[in-house]
Amino acid sequence: MCGILGLLLADEDAQINQMLFDGLTVLQHRGQDAAGIVTSEHGRLHLRKDNGLVKDVFQTHHMIDLRGNFGLGHVRYPTAGSSSCAEAQPLYTNYPHGVCVAHNGNLTNAADLADYCRNKLGRHINTDSDSEVLLNIFADSLIKGESNGSDMV
């Protein structure tokens, strides 16, 4: 069980960081292991995540760096993988573009999918997190969608 929050403000100059912080604080009961926020400011991603409670992970200087009008937040309750800081979410990959994912659930075939990512897609999996596997398969699908002109949502 985790908590996930996504917010978008219509005003591109507005700042979403405090709303994400407040929302994750309300969702803290859904996960006390780790917290993370990613924001986007004019196409640039700003990410902060670590093990701990929301109030401990995000200090004032972190919040100042989380600029942008939309973002994604996550509080983690570990059900799969380990409790390492590397598995705190949102997870990020920069290929083919900056892509982030926050995931709540368990992939029952995560080991097979991780092997597929490594052996067929040539992607490196850094953690034991099934969410990282999901991120890499999604990122690869974006590449394939671009190459054949398909619409992606």
Protein backbone atom coordinates (compact mmCIF):
# COMPACT_ATOMS: atom_id res chain seq x y z
CA MET A 1 0.00 0.00 0.00
CA CYS A 2 1.47 3.33 -1.10
CA GLY A 3 0.14 6.82 -1.64
CA ILE A 4 0.35 8.52 -5.03
CA LEU A 5 -0.58 12.08 -5.89
CA GLY A 6 -0.42 13.91 -9.22
CA LEU A 7 -1.26 17.59 -9.62
CA LEU A 8 -1.33 20.04 -12.54
CA LEU A 9 -1.88 23.79 -12.34
CA ALA A 10 -3.13 25.58 -15.46
CA ASP A 11 -0.92 28.60 -14.77
CA GLU A 12 2.54 27.64 -16.09
CA ASP A 13 4.20 30.12 -13.73
CA ALA A 14 2.46 28.73 -10.62
CA GLN A 15 4.36 26.55 -8.14
CA ILE A 16 2.97 23.13 -7.19
CA ASN A 17 5.61 22.08 -4.63
CA GLN A 18 3.73 23.06 -1.46
CA MET A 19 0.49 21.44 -2.66
CA LEU A 20 2.36 18.19 -3.33
CA PHE A 21 4.03 18.35 0.09
CA ASP A 22 0.68 18.97 1.81
CA GLY A 23 -1.01 16.20 -0.17
CA LEU A 24 1.69 13.68 0.66
CA THR A 25 1.49 14.66 4.32
CA VAL A 26 -2.21 13.78 4.24
CA LEU A 27 -1.35 10.47 2.51
CA GLN A 28 1.49 9.68 4.94
CA HIS A 29 -0.55 6.89 6.55
CA ARG A 30 -0.31 5.01 3.21
CA GLY A 31 3.47 4.70 3.53
CA GLN A 32 6.10 5.71 6.06
CA ASP A 33 9.17 4.09 4.49
CA ALA A 34 10.06 6.72 1.86
CA ALA A 35 8.74 9.83 0.14
CA GLY A 36 9.42 11.52 -3.17
CA ILE A 37 8.32 14.40 -5.36
CA VAL A 38 9.13 15.20 -8.98
CA THR A 39 8.06 18.49 -10.54
CA SER A 40 8.33 19.87 -14.05
CA GLU A 41 9.24 23.45 -14.86
CA HIS A 42 9.11 24.31 -18.57
CA GLY A 43 10.17 20.78 -19.53
CA ARG A 44 12.87 20.35 -16.88
CA LEU A 45 12.34 17.76 -14.16
CA HIS A 46 13.26 18.35 -10.51
CA LEU A 47 13.34 15.26 -8.28
CA ARG A 48 13.80 14.73 -4.55
CA LYS A 49 13.26 11.41 -2.81
CA ASP A 50 14.66 9.63 0.21
CA ASN A 51 13.80 7.19 2.96
CA GLY A 52 11.76 8.69 5.76
CA LEU A 53 8.61 10.62 6.48
CA VAL A 54 7.47 13.49 4.27
CA LYS A 55 8.33 16.08 6.93
CA ASP A 56 11.89 14.71 7.15
CA VAL A 57 12.59 14.16 3.45
CA PHE A 58 11.59 17.66 2.33
CA GLN A 59 13.34 20.56 4.03
CA THR A 60 12.95 24.18 2.91
CA HIS A 61 15.99 24.07 0.61
CA HIS A 62 14.59 20.96 -1.12
CA MET A 63 11.21 22.59 -1.62
CA ILE A 64 12.78 25.65 -3.24
CA ASP A 65 14.39 23.36 -5.84
CA LEU A 66 11.09 21.58 -6.64
CA ARG A 67 9.87 24.24 -9.06
CA GLY A 68 7.12 23.83 -11.63
CA ASN A 69 3.41 23.82 -12.24
CA PHE A 70 2.89 20.06 -12.27
CA GLY A 71 4.26 17.14 -10.38
CA LEU A 72 3.97 13.68 -8.98
CA GLY A 73 4.36 12.57 -5.38
CA HIS A 74 4.72 9.19 -3.71
CA VAL A 75 4.87 7.78 -0.18
CA ARG A 76 6.08 4.19 0.02
CA TYR A 77 5.02 1.23 2.06
CA PRO A 78 7.33 -1.56 0.86
CA THR A 79 5.62 -4.74 -0.28
CA ALA A 80 8.22 -5.87 -2.84
CA GLY A 81 11.88 -5.14 -3.35
CA SER A 82 13.92 -3.68 -0.53
CA SER A 83 13.75 -0.58 1.61
CA SER A 84 16.79 1.05 0.02
CA CYS A 85 16.79 4.73 -0.88
CA ALA A 86 17.26 3.75 -4.54
CA GLU A 87 13.76 2.26 -4.49
CA ALA A 88 12.10 5.43 -3.23
CA GLN A 89 9.73 6.82 -5.84
CA PRO A 90 8.99 8.47 -8.20
CA LEU A 91 11.51 6.61 -10.34
CA TYR A 92 13.15 8.39 -13.27
CA THR A 93 14.76 7.51 -16.59
CA ASN A 94 16.03 10.00 -19.12
CA TYR A 95 15.70 7.74 -22.17
CA PRO A 96 13.96 8.34 -24.53
CA HIS A 97 12.84 11.47 -22.66
CA GLY A 98 12.60 12.40 -19.02
CA VAL A 99 9.99 9.91 -17.81
CA CYS A 100 8.91 9.32 -14.21
CA VAL A 101 6.61 6.75 -12.68
CA ALA A 102 5.03 6.18 -9.30
CA HIS A 103 3.49 2.75 -8.84
CA ASN A 104 1.39 1.04 -6.21
CA GLY A 105 1.07 -2.66 -6.67
CA ASN A 106 3.02 -5.82 -7.34
CA LEU A 107 4.02 -7.25 -10.69
CA THR A 108 3.73 -10.99 -10.22
CA ASN A 109 6.11 -11.66 -13.12
CA ALA A 110 8.64 -8.94 -12.24
CA ALA A 111 11.66 -11.28 -12.43
CA ASP A 112 10.72 -12.43 -15.94
CA LEU A 113 10.07 -8.84 -17.03
CA ALA A 114 13.41 -7.71 -15.56
CA ASP A 115 15.16 -10.44 -17.58
CA TYR A 116 13.27 -9.25 -20.67
CA CYS A 117 14.41 -5.67 -20.03
CA ARG A 118 18.04 -6.73 -19.67
CA ASN A 119 18.24 -9.35 -22.42
CA LYS A 120 15.82 -8.12 -25.09
CA LEU A 121 15.63 -4.36 -24.55
CA GLY A 122 19.23 -3.81 -23.45
CA ARG A 123 18.08 -1.78 -20.46
CA HIS A 124 19.89 -1.79 -17.12
CA ILE A 125 17.82 -2.48 -14.00
CA ASN A 126 19.40 -0.84 -10.94
CA THR A 127 17.16 -2.09 -8.13
CA ASP A 128 14.96 -4.98 -7.04
CA SER A 129 11.88 -2.79 -7.50
CA ASP A 130 9.13 -4.02 -9.80
CA SER A 131 8.31 -0.35 -10.36
CA GLU A 132 11.67 0.16 -12.07
CA VAL A 133 10.84 -2.73 -14.40
CA LEU A 134 7.50 -1.09 -15.18
CA LEU A 135 9.25 2.23 -15.88
CA ASN A 136 11.70 0.63 -18.31
CA ILE A 137 9.01 -1.25 -20.23
CA PHE A 138 6.95 1.95 -20.44
CA ALA A 139 9.98 3.94 -21.66
CA ASP A 140 10.70 1.31 -24.31
CA SER A 141 7.07 1.49 -25.44
CA LEU A 142 7.48 5.25 -25.89
CA ILE A 143 10.43 4.62 -28.20
CA LYS A 144 8.44 2.12 -30.25
CA GLY A 145 5.46 4.48 -30.36
CA GLU A 146 7.65 7.27 -31.72
CA SER A 147 9.20 5.06 -34.37
CA ASN A 148 5.85 4.02 -35.83
CA GLY A 149 4.06 7.33 -35.31
CA SER A 150 1.51 5.98 -32.83
CA ASP A 151 -0.23 8.30 -30.41
CA MET A 152 0.85 7.80 -26.82
CA VAL A 153 -1.07 8.99 -23.79
